[in-house]
C-alpha atoms as a PDB file:
ATOM      1  CA  UNK A   1      19.435  15.421   4.080  1.00  0.00           C
ATOM      2  CA  UNK A   2      19.309  14.778   7.757  1.00  0.00           C
ATOM      3  CA  UNK A   3      16.352  16.223   9.643  1.00  0.00           C
ATOM      4  CA  UNK A   4      16.368  16.471  13.355  1.00  0.00           C
ATOM      5  CA  UNK A   5      12.835  16.242  15.230  1.00  0.00           C
ATOM      6  CA  UNK A   6      11.307  15.222  18.476  1.00  0.00           C
ATOM      7  CA  UNK A   7       9.017  12.276  18.521  1.00  0.00           C
ATOM      8  CA  UNK A   8       5.831  11.886  20.253  1.00  0.00           C
ATOM      9  CA  UNK A   9       7.718  10.470  23.325  1.00  0.00           C
ATOM     10  CA  UNK A  10       9.827  13.701  23.486  1.00  0.00           C
ATOM     11  CA  UNK A  11      12.915  11.953  22.336  1.00  0.00           C
ATOM     12  CA  UNK A  12      15.358  13.643  19.789  1.00  0.00           C
ATOM     13  CA  UNK A  13      15.617  11.940  16.503  1.00  0.00           C
ATOM     14  CA  UNK A  14      17.373  12.259  13.068  1.00  0.00           C
ATOM     15  CA  UNK A  15      15.520  10.953   9.835  1.00  0.00           C
ATOM     16  CA  UNK A  16      16.654  11.057   6.226  1.00  0.00           C
ATOM     17  CA  UNK A  17      14.398  13.187   4.096  1.00  0.00           C
ATOM     18  CA  UNK A  18      14.409  12.418   0.380  1.00  0.00           C
ATOM     19  CA  UNK A  19      15.700  15.911  -0.842  1.00  0.00           C
ATOM     20  CA  UNK A  20      19.040  17.565  -0.510  1.00  0.00           C
ATOM     21  CA  UNK A  21      19.585  20.371   2.062  1.00  0.00           C
ATOM     22  CA  UNK A  22      20.141  22.897  -0.853  1.00  0.00           C
ATOM     23  CA  UNK A  23      16.761  22.099  -2.293  1.00  0.00           C
ATOM     24  CA  UNK A  24      15.185  22.033   1.143  1.00  0.00           C
ATOM     25  CA  UNK A  25      16.537  25.687   1.824  1.00  0.00           C
ATOM     26  CA  UNK A  26      15.589  26.747  -1.776  1.00  0.00           C
ATOM     27  CA  UNK A  27      11.870  25.750  -0.730  1.00  0.00           C
ATOM     28  CA  UNK A  28      12.010  27.396   2.401  1.00  0.00           C
ATOM     29  CA  UNK A  29      12.979  30.783   0.802  1.00  0.00           C
ATOM     30  CA  UNK A  30      10.068  30.204  -1.546  1.00  0.00           C
ATOM     31  CA  UNK A  31       7.565  29.306   1.144  1.00  0.00           C
ATOM     32  CA  UNK A  32       8.380  31.043   4.232  1.00  0.00           C
ATOM     33  CA  UNK A  33       5.441  32.874   5.677  1.00  0.00           C
ATOM     34  CA  UNK A  34       2.811  31.122   3.655  1.00  0.00           C
ATOM     35  CA  UNK A  35      -0.136  29.413   4.723  1.00  0.00           C
ATOM     36  CA  UNK A  36      -0.409  25.882   4.237  1.00  0.00           C
ATOM     37  CA  UNK A  37      -4.120  25.881   3.467  1.00  0.00           C
ATOM     38  CA  UNK A  38      -3.390  28.282   0.243  1.00  0.00           C
ATOM     39  CA  UNK A  39      -0.574  26.040  -1.073  1.00  0.00           C
ATOM     40  CA  UNK A  40      -0.825  23.451  -3.955  1.00  0.00           C
ATOM     41  CA  UNK A  41      -0.866  19.874  -3.533  1.00  0.00           C
ATOM     42  CA  UNK A  42       2.089  19.801  -5.901  1.00  0.00           C
ATOM     43  CA  UNK A  43       4.676  20.623  -3.172  1.00  0.00           C
ATOM     44  CA  UNK A  44       7.444  19.395  -1.313  1.00  0.00           C
ATOM     45  CA  UNK A  45       5.581  18.641   2.131  1.00  0.00           C
ATOM     46  CA  UNK A  46       3.050  16.460   0.342  1.00  0.00           C
ATOM     47  CA  UNK A  47       5.840  14.505  -1.544  1.00  0.00           C
ATOM     48  CA  UNK A  48       7.395  14.023   1.864  1.00  0.00           C
ATOM     49  CA  UNK A  49       4.040  12.888   3.431  1.00  0.00           C
ATOM     50  CA  UNK A  50       3.644  10.263   0.653  1.00  0.00           C
ATOM     51  CA  UNK A  51       7.226   9.102   1.309  1.00  0.00           C
ATOM     52  CA  UNK A  52       6.827   8.768   4.872  1.00  0.00           C
ATOM     53  CA  UNK A  53       3.526   7.014   4.487  1.00  0.00           C
ATOM     54  CA  UNK A  54       5.342   4.102   2.781  1.00  0.00           C
ATOM     55  CA  UNK A  55       8.476   4.178   5.049  1.00  0.00           C
ATOM     56  CA  UNK A  56       6.778   4.598   8.415  1.00  0.00           C
ATOM     57  CA  UNK A  57       3.334   3.055   7.766  1.00  0.00           C
ATOM     58  CA  UNK A  58       3.592   0.341   4.961  1.00  0.00           C
ATOM     59  CA  UNK A  59       7.315  -0.970   5.342  1.00  0.00           C
ATOM     60  CA  UNK A  60       6.795  -2.018   8.973  1.00  0.00           C
ATOM     61  CA  UNK A  61       4.453  -4.574   7.519  1.00  0.00           C
ATOM     62  CA  UNK A  62       6.451  -6.176   4.925  1.00  0.00           C
ATOM     63  CA  UNK A  63       7.176  -9.326   6.955  1.00  0.00           C
ATOM     64  CA  UNK A  64       3.732  -9.765   7.687  1.00  0.00           C
ATOM     65  CA  UNK A  65       3.213  -9.318   3.793  1.00  0.00           C
ATOM     66  CA  UNK A  66       5.818 -11.797   3.000  1.00  0.00           C
ATOM     67  CA  UNK A  67       4.378 -14.469   5.160  1.00  0.00           C
ATOM     68  CA  UNK A  68       0.807 -13.735   3.698  1.00  0.00           C
ATOM     69  CA  UNK A  69       2.042 -14.197   0.079  1.00  0.00           C
ATOM     70  CA  UNK A  70       4.311 -17.285   1.066  1.00  0.00           C
ATOM     71  CA  UNK A  71       1.052 -18.921   2.672  1.00  0.00           C
ATOM     72  CA  UNK A  72      -0.856 -17.949  -0.706  1.00  0.00           C
ATOM     73  CA  UNK A  73       1.655 -19.304  -3.106  1.00  0.00           C
ATOM     74  CA  UNK A  74       1.856 -22.535  -1.175  1.00  0.00           C
ATOM     75  CA  UNK A  75      -2.105 -22.512  -1.388  1.00  0.00           C
ATOM     76  CA  UNK A  76      -2.239 -22.947   2.332  1.00  0.00           C
ATOM     77  CA  UNK A  77      -6.187 -22.567   2.382  1.00  0.00           C
ATOM     78  CA  UNK A  78      -8.513 -24.579   4.548  1.00  0.00           C
ATOM     79  CA  UNK A  79      -9.986 -26.745   1.887  1.00  0.00           C
ATOM     80  CA  UNK A  80     -13.527 -28.189   1.482  1.00  0.00           C
ATOM     81  CA  UNK A  81     -13.895 -31.893   1.119  1.00  0.00           C
ATOM     82  CA  UNK A  82     -12.731 -33.406  -2.134  1.00  0.00           C
ATOM     83  CA  UNK A  83     -10.626 -30.295  -2.918  1.00  0.00           C
ATOM     84  CA  UNK A  84      -6.891 -29.583  -2.522  1.00  0.00           C
ATOM     85  CA  UNK A  85      -3.678 -27.298  -2.915  1.00  0.00           C
ATOM     86  CA  UNK A  86      -3.228 -28.979  -6.468  1.00  0.00           C
ATOM     87  CA  UNK A  87      -6.569 -27.482  -7.494  1.00  0.00           C
ATOM     88  CA  UNK A  88      -5.565 -23.699  -7.246  1.00  0.00           C
ATOM     89  CA  UNK A  89      -4.457 -22.017 -10.422  1.00  0.00           C
ATOM     90  CA  UNK A  90      -5.293 -18.526  -9.960  1.00  0.00           C
ATOM     91  CA  UNK A  91      -5.989 -16.225  -6.783  1.00  0.00           C
ATOM     92  CA  UNK A  92      -7.414 -12.756  -6.320  1.00  0.00           C
ATOM     93  CA  UNK A  93      -5.698 -10.496  -3.711  1.00  0.00           C
ATOM     94  CA  UNK A  94      -7.972  -7.481  -2.569  1.00  0.00           C
ATOM     95  CA  UNK A  95      -7.562  -4.486   0.021  1.00  0.00           C
ATOM     96  CA  UNK A  96      -9.338  -1.844   1.429  1.00  0.00           C
ATOM     97  CA  UNK A  97      -8.375   1.045   3.845  1.00  0.00           C
ATOM     98  CA  UNK A  98     -10.563   2.011   6.700  1.00  0.00           C
ATOM     99  CA  UNK A  99     -10.599   5.391   8.309  1.00  0.00           C
ATOM    100  CA  UNK A 100      -6.736   5.920   8.250  1.00  0.00           C
ATOM    101  CA  UNK A 101      -6.070   3.253  10.910  1.00  0.00           C
ATOM    102  CA  UNK A 102      -6.541  -0.015   9.263  1.00  0.00           C
ATOM    103  CA  UNK A 103      -5.718  -1.713   5.858  1.00  0.00           C
ATOM    104  CA  UNK A 104      -7.461  -4.971   5.372  1.00  0.00           C
ATOM    105  CA  UNK A 105      -6.150  -7.601   2.654  1.00  0.00           C
ATOM    106  CA  UNK A 106      -7.765 -10.792   1.771  1.00  0.00           C
ATOM    107  CA  UNK A 107      -6.986 -13.582  -0.582  1.00  0.00           C
ATOM    108  CA  UNK A 108      -9.154 -16.261  -2.265  1.00  0.00           C
ATOM    109  CA  UNK A 109      -9.189 -18.701  -5.341  1.00  0.00           C
ATOM    110  CA  UNK A 110     -10.243 -16.488  -8.520  1.00  0.00           C
ATOM    111  CA  UNK A 111     -13.784 -17.382  -9.030  1.00  0.00           C
ATOM    112  CA  UNK A 112     -13.562 -17.276 -12.954  1.00  0.00           C
ATOM    113  CA  UNK A 113     -11.211 -20.172 -12.675  1.00  0.00           C
ATOM    114  CA  UNK A 114     -12.613 -22.122  -9.568  1.00  0.00           C
ATOM    115  CA  UNK A 115     -16.449 -22.103 -10.260  1.00  0.00           C
ATOM    116  CA  UNK A 116     -16.795 -24.292  -7.263  1.00  0.00           C
ATOM    117  CA  UNK A 117     -16.530 -22.996  -3.847  1.00  0.00           C
ATOM    118  CA  UNK A 118     -13.375 -24.975  -2.913  1.00  0.00           C
ATOM    119  CA  UNK A 119     -12.083 -23.447   0.239  1.00  0.00           C
ATOM    120  CA  UNK A 120     -13.895 -22.982   3.628  1.00  0.00           C
ATOM    121  CA  UNK A 121     -12.574 -19.255   4.040  1.00  0.00           C
ATOM    122  CA  UNK A 122     -10.355 -16.556   2.425  1.00  0.00           C
ATOM    123  CA  UNK A 123      -7.015 -15.897   4.033  1.00  0.00           C
ATOM    124  CA  UNK A 124      -6.942 -12.227   5.557  1.00  0.00           C
ATOM    125  CA  UNK A 125      -4.467  -9.755   6.771  1.00  0.00           C
ATOM    126  CA  UNK A 126      -5.172  -6.455   8.883  1.00  0.00           C
ATOM    127  CA  UNK A 127      -2.574  -3.660   9.228  1.00  0.00           C
ATOM    128  CA  UNK A 128      -3.644  -1.502  12.297  1.00  0.00           C
ATOM    129  CA  UNK A 129      -1.556   1.743  12.385  1.00  0.00           C
ATOM    130  CA  UNK A 130      -1.058   5.012  14.057  1.00  0.00           C
ATOM    131  CA  UNK A 131      -0.646   8.297  12.075  1.00  0.00           C
ATOM    132  CA  UNK A 132      -0.072  10.550  14.988  1.00  0.00           C
ATOM    133  CA  UNK A 133       3.970  10.083  14.784  1.00  0.00           C
ATOM    134  CA  UNK A 134       3.716  11.025  11.041  1.00  0.00           C
ATOM    135  CA  UNK A 135       1.617  13.904  11.761  1.00  0.00           C
ATOM    136  CA  UNK A 136       3.723  15.183  14.334  1.00  0.00           C
ATOM    137  CA  UNK A 137       7.006  14.874  12.070  1.00  0.00           C
ATOM    138  CA  UNK A 138       5.066  16.931   9.270  1.00  0.00           C
ATOM    139  CA  UNK A 139       4.497  19.612  11.736  1.00  0.00           C
ATOM    140  CA  UNK A 140       8.060  19.968  12.578  1.00  0.00           C
ATOM    141  CA  UNK A 141       8.913  20.007   8.978  1.00  0.00           C
ATOM    142  CA  UNK A 142       6.422  22.772   8.320  1.00  0.00           C
ATOM    143  CA  UNK A 143       7.826  24.743  11.379  1.00  0.00           C
ATOM    144  CA  UNK A 144      11.459  24.480   9.674  1.00  0.00           C
ATOM    145  CA  UNK A 145       9.968  25.765   6.656  1.00  0.00           C
ATOM    146  CA  UNK A 146       8.480  28.663   8.551  1.00  0.00           C
ATOM    147  CA  UNK A 147       4.917  27.825   6.842  1.00  0.00           C
ATOM    148  CA  UNK A 148       1.627  28.580   8.756  1.00  0.00           C
ATOM    149  CA  UNK A 149      -0.396  25.445   9.170  1.00  0.00           C
ATOM    150  CA  UNK A 150      -2.764  26.634  12.255  1.00  0.00           C
ATOM    151  CA  UNK A 151      -5.771  27.316  10.015  1.00  0.00           C
ATOM    152  CA  UNK A 152      -5.219  24.110   8.120  1.00  0.00           C
ATOM    153  CA  UNK A 153      -4.814  22.071  11.129  1.00  0.00           C
ATOM    154  CA  UNK A 154      -8.255  23.078  12.419  1.00  0.00           C
ATOM    155  CA  UNK A 155      -9.902  22.010   9.329  1.00  0.00           C
ATOM    156  CA  UNK A 156      -8.278  18.510   8.900  1.00  0.00           C
ATOM    157  CA  UNK A 157      -5.082  16.512   9.722  1.00  0.00           C
ATOM    158  CA  UNK A 158      -2.246  17.272   7.341  1.00  0.00           C
ATOM    159  CA  UNK A 159      -1.337  13.637   7.356  1.00  0.00           C
ATOM    160  CA  UNK A 160      -4.662  12.414   5.662  1.00  0.00           C
ATOM    161  CA  UNK A 161      -5.703  15.369   3.555  1.00  0.00           C
ATOM    162  CA  UNK A 162      -6.429  14.313  -0.075  1.00  0.00           C
ATOM    163  CA  UNK A 163      -4.283  11.310   0.909  1.00  0.00           C
ATOM    164  CA  UNK A 164      -4.506   8.303  -1.683  1.00  0.00           C
ATOM    165  CA  UNK A 165      -2.303   5.483  -0.811  1.00  0.00           C
ATOM    166  CA  UNK A 166      -4.197   2.736  -2.820  1.00  0.00           C
ATOM    167  CA  UNK A 167      -1.129   2.979  -5.380  1.00  0.00           C
ATOM    168  CA  UNK A 168       1.380   2.618  -2.625  1.00  0.00           C
ATOM    169  CA  UNK A 169      -0.454  -0.580  -1.000  1.00  0.00           C
ATOM    170  CA  UNK A 170      -0.943  -2.208  -4.477  1.00  0.00           C
ATOM    171  CA  UNK A 171       2.695  -1.764  -5.135  1.00  0.00           C
ATOM    172  CA  UNK A 172       3.794  -3.166  -1.628  1.00  0.00           C
ATOM    173  CA  UNK A 173       1.739  -6.008  -2.222  1.00  0.00           C
ATOM    174  CA  UNK A 174       3.115  -6.819  -5.815  1.00  0.00           C
ATOM    175  CA  UNK A 175       6.808  -6.216  -4.488  1.00  0.00           C
ATOM    176  CA  UNK A 176       6.385  -8.792  -1.785  1.00  0.00           C
ATOM    177  CA  UNK A 177       4.373 -11.302  -4.095  1.00  0.00           C
ATOM    178  CA  UNK A 178       7.359 -11.410  -6.644  1.00  0.00           C
ATOM    179  CA  UNK A 179      10.079 -11.653  -3.811  1.00  0.00           C
ATOM    180  CA  UNK A 180       8.475 -14.541  -2.211  1.00  0.00           C
ATOM    181  CA  UNK A 181       7.688 -16.090  -5.735  1.00  0.00           C
ATOM    182  CA  UNK A 182      11.343 -16.127  -6.627  1.00  0.00           C
ATOM    183  CA  UNK A 183      11.793 -18.049  -3.304  1.00  0.00           C
ATOM    184  CA  UNK A 184       8.865 -20.531  -3.696  1.00  0.00           C
ATOM    185  CA  UNK A 185       8.956 -21.106  -7.514  1.00  0.00           C
ATOM    186  CA  UNK A 186       5.180 -21.418  -7.222  1.00  0.00           C
ATOM    187  CA  UNK A 187       3.068 -21.822 -10.181  1.00  0.00           C
ATOM    188  CA  UNK A 188      -0.041 -19.950  -8.909  1.00  0.00           C
ATOM    189  CA  UNK A 189      -0.674 -16.641 -10.434  1.00  0.00           C
ATOM    190  CA  UNK A 190      -2.908 -14.003  -9.280  1.00  0.00           C
ATOM    191  CA  UNK A 191      -4.410 -10.533  -9.710  1.00  0.00           C
ATOM    192  CA  UNK A 192      -4.601  -7.716  -7.194  1.00  0.00           C
ATOM    193  CA  UNK A 193      -7.381  -4.867  -6.852  1.00  0.00           C
ATOM    194  CA  UNK A 194      -8.979  -2.441  -4.690  1.00  0.00           C
ATOM    195  CA  UNK A 195     -12.016  -4.024  -3.070  1.00  0.00           C
ATOM    196  CA  UNK A 196     -14.277  -0.849  -3.548  1.00  0.00           C
ATOM    197  CA  UNK A 197     -13.152  -0.499  -7.242  1.00  0.00           C
ATOM    198  CA  UNK A 198     -10.675  -0.414 -10.013  1.00  0.00           C
ATOM    199  CA  UNK A 199      -9.366  -2.849 -12.566  1.00  0.00           C
ATOM    200  CA  UNK A 200      -7.490  -6.025 -11.371  1.00  0.00           C
ATOM    201  CA  UNK A 201      -3.763  -6.039 -12.310  1.00  0.00           C
ATOM    202  CA  UNK A 202      -1.469  -9.028 -12.578  1.00  0.00           C
ATOM    203  CA  UNK A 203       0.581  -9.558  -9.554  1.00  0.00           C
ATOM    204  CA  UNK A 204       3.145 -11.221 -11.669  1.00  0.00           C
ATOM    205  CA  UNK A 205       3.489  -8.802 -14.696  1.00  0.00           C
ATOM    206  CA  UNK A 206       1.900  -5.608 -13.618  1.00  0.00           C
ATOM    207  CA  UNK A 207      -0.398  -5.512 -16.466  1.00  0.00           C
ATOM    208  CA  UNK A 208      -3.971  -4.106 -16.070  1.00  0.00           C
ATOM    209  CA  UNK A 209      -6.537  -6.673 -16.963  1.00  0.00           C
ATOM    210  CA  UNK A 210      -9.819  -5.228 -16.834  1.00  0.00           C
ATOM    211  CA  UNK A 211     -12.667  -5.599 -14.536  1.00  0.00           C
ATOM    212  CA  UNK A 212     -14.795  -8.421 -16.261  1.00  0.00           C
ATOM    213  CA  UNK A 213     -14.657 -12.298 -16.268  1.00  0.00           C
ATOM    214  CA  UNK A 214     -14.051 -12.296 -19.917  1.00  0.00           C
ATOM    215  CA  UNK A 215     -11.033 -10.047 -19.909  1.00  0.00           C
ATOM    216  CA  UNK A 216      -9.477 -11.930 -17.010  1.00  0.00           C
ATOM    217  CA  UNK A 217     -10.273 -15.407 -18.775  1.00  0.00           C
ATOM    218  CA  UNK A 218      -8.744 -13.802 -21.993  1.00  0.00           C
ATOM    219  CA  UNK A 219      -5.700 -12.719 -20.169  1.00  0.00           C
ATOM    220  CA  UNK A 220      -4.834 -16.047 -18.596  1.00  0.00           C
ATOM    221  CA  UNK A 221      -5.688 -18.049 -21.366  1.00  0.00           C
ATOM    222  CA  UNK A 222      -2.882 -16.333 -23.454  1.00  0.00           C
ATOM    223  CA  UNK A 223      -0.620 -17.489 -20.554  1.00  0.00           C
ATOM    224  CA  UNK A 224      -1.932 -21.243 -21.007  1.00  0.00           C
ATOM    225  CA  UNK A 225      -4.227 -21.036 -17.995  1.00  0.00           C
ATOM    226  CA  UNK A 226      -7.697 -22.201 -18.918  1.00  0.00           C
ATOM    227  CA  UNK A 227     -10.864 -21.594 -16.806  1.00  0.00           C
END
Protein backbone atom coordinates (compact mmCIF):
# COMPACT_ATOMS: atom_id res chain seq x y z
CA UNK A 1 0.00 0.00 0.00
CA UNK A 2 1.02 3.63 -0.42
CA UNK A 3 1.80 5.42 2.82
CA UNK A 4 2.06 9.19 3.11
CA UNK A 5 4.56 10.55 5.61
CA UNK A 6 6.75 13.58 6.30
CA UNK A 7 10.53 13.25 6.24
CA UNK A 8 12.99 14.97 8.56
CA UNK A 9 13.12 17.94 6.18
CA UNK A 10 9.35 18.33 6.63
CA UNK A 11 8.74 17.29 3.03
CA UNK A 12 5.66 15.22 2.22
CA UNK A 13 6.58 11.81 0.82
CA UNK A 14 4.86 8.63 -0.30
CA UNK A 15 6.41 5.23 0.30
CA UNK A 16 5.35 1.67 -0.50
CA UNK A 17 4.63 -0.57 2.47
CA UNK A 18 4.96 -4.32 1.78
CA UNK A 19 1.42 -4.91 3.05
CA UNK A 20 -2.04 -4.44 1.58
CA UNK A 21 -4.27 -1.62 2.75
CA UNK A 22 -6.78 -4.22 3.92
CA UNK A 23 -4.19 -5.98 6.09
CA UNK A 24 -2.97 -2.65 7.44
CA UNK A 25 -6.51 -1.64 8.46
CA UNK A 26 -7.17 -5.04 10.02
CA UNK A 27 -3.98 -4.67 12.03
CA UNK A 28 -5.07 -1.20 13.14
CA UNK A 29 -8.40 -2.57 14.41
CA UNK A 30 -6.51 -5.19 16.40
CA UNK A 31 -3.81 -2.95 17.95
CA UNK A 32 -5.52 0.45 18.19
CA UNK A 33 -5.01 1.93 21.66
CA UNK A 34 -2.30 -0.55 22.59
CA UNK A 35 1.12 0.35 23.94
CA UNK A 36 4.10 -0.67 21.82
CA UNK A 37 6.15 -1.67 24.84
CA UNK A 38 3.61 -4.43 25.64
CA UNK A 39 3.48 -5.89 22.14
CA UNK A 40 5.23 -8.98 20.84
CA UNK A 41 8.08 -8.76 18.37
CA UNK A 42 6.05 -11.04 16.12
CA UNK A 43 4.10 -8.08 14.82
CA UNK A 44 3.72 -5.91 11.72
CA UNK A 45 5.81 -2.92 12.83
CA UNK A 46 8.89 -5.07 13.33
CA UNK A 47 8.44 -6.69 9.92
CA UNK A 48 8.20 -3.21 8.41
CA UNK A 49 11.24 -2.07 10.38
CA UNK A 50 13.33 -4.98 9.06
CA UNK A 51 12.06 -4.40 5.51
CA UNK A 52 13.05 -0.73 5.57
CA UNK A 53 16.43 -1.49 7.15
CA UNK A 54 17.20 -3.35 3.93
CA UNK A 55 15.60 -0.79 1.60
CA UNK A 56 16.73 2.44 3.28
CA UNK A 57 20.00 1.43 4.96
CA UNK A 58 21.58 -1.44 3.03
CA UNK A 59 20.38 -1.06 -0.56
CA UNK A 60 21.90 2.43 -1.00
CA UNK A 61 25.34 0.85 -0.56
CA UNK A 62 24.89 -1.76 -3.29
CA UNK A 63 27.05 0.04 -5.83
CA UNK A 64 29.90 0.22 -3.33
CA UNK A 65 29.49 -3.47 -2.52
CA UNK A 66 29.51 -4.32 -6.25
CA UNK A 67 32.76 -2.40 -6.66
CA UNK A 68 34.23 -4.12 -3.61
CA UNK A 69 33.26 -7.59 -4.89
CA UNK A 70 34.65 -6.82 -8.34
CA UNK A 71 37.96 -5.76 -6.83
CA UNK A 72 38.11 -8.97 -4.79
CA UNK A 73 37.24 -11.22 -7.72
CA UNK A 74 39.89 -9.54 -9.84
CA UNK A 75 42.32 -10.18 -6.95
CA UNK A 76 43.14 -6.48 -6.83
CA UNK A 77 45.15 -6.65 -3.61
CA UNK A 78 48.42 -4.91 -2.80
CA UNK A 79 50.83 -7.85 -2.99
CA UNK A 80 54.06 -8.49 -1.19
CA UNK A 81 57.19 -9.30 -3.15
CA UNK A 82 57.12 -12.64 -5.03
CA UNK A 83 53.33 -12.85 -4.84
CA UNK A 84 50.69 -12.01 -7.44
CA UNK A 85 46.99 -12.26 -8.24
CA UNK A 86 47.43 -15.75 -9.71
CA UNK A 87 48.19 -17.02 -6.19
CA UNK A 88 44.70 -16.20 -4.86
CA UNK A 89 42.32 -19.16 -4.72
CA UNK A 90 40.02 -18.58 -1.76
CA UNK A 91 39.11 -15.37 0.07
CA UNK A 92 37.30 -14.59 3.29
CA UNK A 93 34.91 -11.67 3.64
CA UNK A 94 33.93 -10.69 7.16
CA UNK A 95 31.84 -7.88 8.58
CA UNK A 96 30.87 -6.17 11.81
CA UNK A 97 28.18 -3.71 12.88
CA UNK A 98 29.16 -0.86 15.21
CA UNK A 99 26.70 1.11 17.36
CA UNK A 100 24.05 1.27 14.64
CA UNK A 101 25.85 3.82 12.52
CA UNK A 102 28.64 1.85 10.84
CA UNK A 103 29.00 -1.47 9.06
CA UNK A 104 32.59 -2.54 8.46
CA UNK A 105 33.48 -5.10 5.76
CA UNK A 106 36.91 -6.54 5.01
CA UNK A 107 38.41 -9.15 2.71
CA UNK A 108 41.69 -11.01 2.63
CA UNK A 109 43.04 -14.30 1.29
CA UNK A 110 41.72 -17.24 3.31
CA UNK A 111 44.56 -18.12 5.66
CA UNK A 112 43.92 -21.86 5.42
CA UNK A 113 44.78 -21.80 1.71
CA UNK A 114 47.45 -19.12 1.80
CA UNK A 115 49.79 -20.02 4.62
CA UNK A 116 52.16 -17.24 3.64
CA UNK A 117 51.11 -13.65 4.20
CA UNK A 118 50.98 -12.77 0.50
CA UNK A 119 49.25 -9.37 0.62
CA UNK A 120 50.32 -6.20 2.36
CA UNK A 121 46.86 -5.35 3.65
CA UNK A 122 43.24 -6.43 3.48
CA UNK A 123 40.59 -4.70 1.37
CA UNK A 124 38.14 -2.68 3.47
CA UNK A 125 34.73 -1.08 3.06
CA UNK A 126 32.80 1.12 5.51
CA UNK A 127 29.07 1.93 5.43
CA UNK A 128 28.22 4.96 7.51
CA UNK A 129 24.48 5.37 7.89
CA UNK A 130 21.90 7.40 9.82
CA UNK A 131 18.79 5.77 11.27
CA UNK A 132 16.95 8.97 12.21
CA UNK A 133 14.91 9.07 9.01
CA UNK A 134 13.77 5.49 9.49
CA UNK A 135 12.93 6.13 13.15
CA UNK A 136 10.80 9.10 12.11
CA UNK A 137 8.98 7.01 9.49
CA UNK A 138 8.27 4.20 11.98
CA UNK A 139 6.81 6.67 14.45
CA UNK A 140 4.40 7.95 11.80
CA UNK A 141 3.34 4.40 10.91
CA UNK A 142 2.65 3.79 14.62
CA UNK A 143 0.65 7.03 14.73
CA UNK A 144 -1.42 5.78 11.79
CA UNK A 145 -2.03 2.51 13.65
CA UNK A 146 -2.90 4.55 16.78
CA UNK A 147 -0.38 2.69 18.92
CA UNK A 148 1.11 4.48 21.94
CA UNK A 149 4.91 4.31 21.79
CA UNK A 150 5.69 7.14 24.25
CA UNK A 151 6.91 4.91 27.10
CA UNK A 152 8.82 2.71 24.68
CA UNK A 153 10.54 5.73 23.16
CA UNK A 154 11.80 6.82 26.56
CA UNK A 155 13.46 3.43 27.06
CA UNK A 156 15.09 2.84 23.67
CA UNK A 157 14.85 3.57 19.98
CA UNK A 158 12.16 1.79 18.01
CA UNK A 159 14.48 1.35 15.07
CA UNK A 160 17.20 -0.50 16.97
CA UNK A 161 15.20 -2.39 19.60
CA UNK A 162 16.27 -6.06 19.47
CA UNK A 163 17.46 -5.42 15.93
CA UNK A 164 19.56 -8.15 14.34
CA UNK A 165 20.73 -7.35 10.83
CA UNK A 166 23.59 -9.83 10.50
CA UNK A 167 21.42 -11.98 8.25
CA UNK A 168 20.55 -9.03 5.98
CA UNK A 169 24.16 -7.84 5.74
CA UNK A 170 25.36 -11.34 4.89
CA UNK A 171 22.64 -11.75 2.27
CA UNK A 172 23.43 -8.51 0.46
CA UNK A 173 27.13 -9.42 0.38
CA UNK A 174 26.33 -12.83 -1.13
CA UNK A 175 23.84 -11.34 -3.58
CA UNK A 176 26.32 -8.75 -4.87
CA UNK A 177 29.14 -11.34 -4.96
CA UNK A 178 27.13 -13.63 -7.24
CA UNK A 179 25.97 -10.86 -9.54
CA UNK A 180 29.52 -9.59 -10.05
CA UNK A 181 30.82 -13.14 -10.51
CA UNK A 182 28.46 -13.59 -13.45
CA UNK A 183 30.14 -10.54 -14.94
CA UNK A 184 33.78 -11.34 -14.13
CA UNK A 185 33.70 -15.16 -14.51
CA UNK A 186 36.25 -15.17 -11.70
CA UNK A 187 37.56 -18.53 -10.48
CA UNK A 188 38.10 -17.15 -6.98
CA UNK A 189 35.75 -18.60 -4.38
CA UNK A 190 35.10 -17.34 -0.89
CA UNK A 191 33.48 -17.52 2.49
CA UNK A 192 31.58 -14.87 4.45
CA UNK A 193 31.06 -14.57 8.20
CA UNK A 194 30.33 -12.20 11.05
CA UNK A 195 33.67 -11.08 12.48
CA UNK A 196 32.66 -11.62 16.11
CA UNK A 197 31.38 -15.16 15.61
CA UNK A 198 29.30 -17.48 13.50
CA UNK A 199 30.04 -20.23 11.02
CA UNK A 200 31.49 -19.22 7.64
CA UNK A 201 29.18 -19.67 4.66
CA UNK A 202 30.08 -20.13 1.03
CA UNK A 203 29.70 -16.94 -0.99
CA UNK A 204 29.05 -19.05 -4.06
CA UNK A 205 26.68 -21.81 -2.86
CA UNK A 206 25.26 -20.43 0.43
CA UNK A 207 26.28 -23.61 2.24
CA UNK A 208 27.24 -23.37 5.91
CA UNK A 209 30.80 -24.65 6.23
CA UNK A 210 31.68 -24.66 9.92
CA UNK A 211 34.16 -22.65 11.92
CA UNK A 212 37.34 -24.73 11.77
CA UNK A 213 40.29 -25.07 9.41
CA UNK A 214 39.52 -28.77 8.90
CA UNK A 215 35.93 -28.11 7.80
CA UNK A 216 36.96 -25.29 5.45
CA UNK A 217 39.70 -27.42 3.87
CA UNK A 218 37.32 -30.36 3.48
CA UNK A 219 34.60 -28.19 1.96
CA UNK A 220 36.83 -26.79 -0.78
CA UNK A 221 38.72 -30.05 -1.28
CA UNK A 222 35.44 -31.54 -2.52
CA UNK A 223 35.45 -28.74 -5.09
CA UNK A 224 38.98 -29.54 -6.25
CA UNK A 225 40.58 -26.67 -4.39
CA UNK A 226 43.39 -27.84 -2.16
CA UNK A 227 45.21 -26.08 0.64
